[in-house]
Amino acid sequence: MKKGAIIGLLTTILVLVTGFIGCSEWFCRISVKCSQCPLKSPDINTSKTKGYFIGTYLPIKSDIALRYHNESIHFDSAWAEEQWLPDNKICLLKKTKRGKGYTLILPFKASKTEFNFEIYQLKNGIPDTLNSGIMSNRKEFFLKEDKINDTLNFIISEKDSAQNIGWRNGDMYTDTLTYIRQSK
């Protein structure tokens, strides 16, 4: 093979590889829905492996019976981790970086599949209703504090049991839930 043909072949390969990497990086970036939204570990072991794990919290009282519904909720130990974000300098590398704040995961088991309750964190004795939404078996809190406390308090709010009323703010609180951080 002549020297010019080898250089042409190498140039073609280099252009194709660069184009493939560029296209892959572009597709990776458009697949990220929110580049500044905090991510969370799917489980406690992943959190520990990634180095974001902070600690475990145990509830003082594990079982709560709802007042206005024939339902009970069992709360397991919770865990906290530092918030982390995707580091999108090079999307294909899937790196992460430390975010601001913390993520708290409260696993629970409800006796029914329809959620007739909501869990709010108490901040200075006032329910933080902005951090709402329950998943199938856990509640996730994105805490923006500079430091996570050793004692965390929550309040359970119930859906109104009357037909077609739904949620009312402030008058359907059932019980409080306190979690204490365990030493590492």
Foldseek 3Di string as FASTA:
>chain_A
DDPVVVVVVVVVVVVVVVVVLVVVQVVLVVVDPDQQDWDDDPDDVVLVVVPFWDFKWAWPDQKFAFDQDRKMKGKGIKTKGFTKGFPSPRRVVRDIDTDAFMKIKIFMDMPDQDDFKWKFWQDVNRGPPVLTDADRTIGMGGGRDNDDDQKTKMWIFGFDPDPPPGDDPDDRTGDMIMIGTDDD
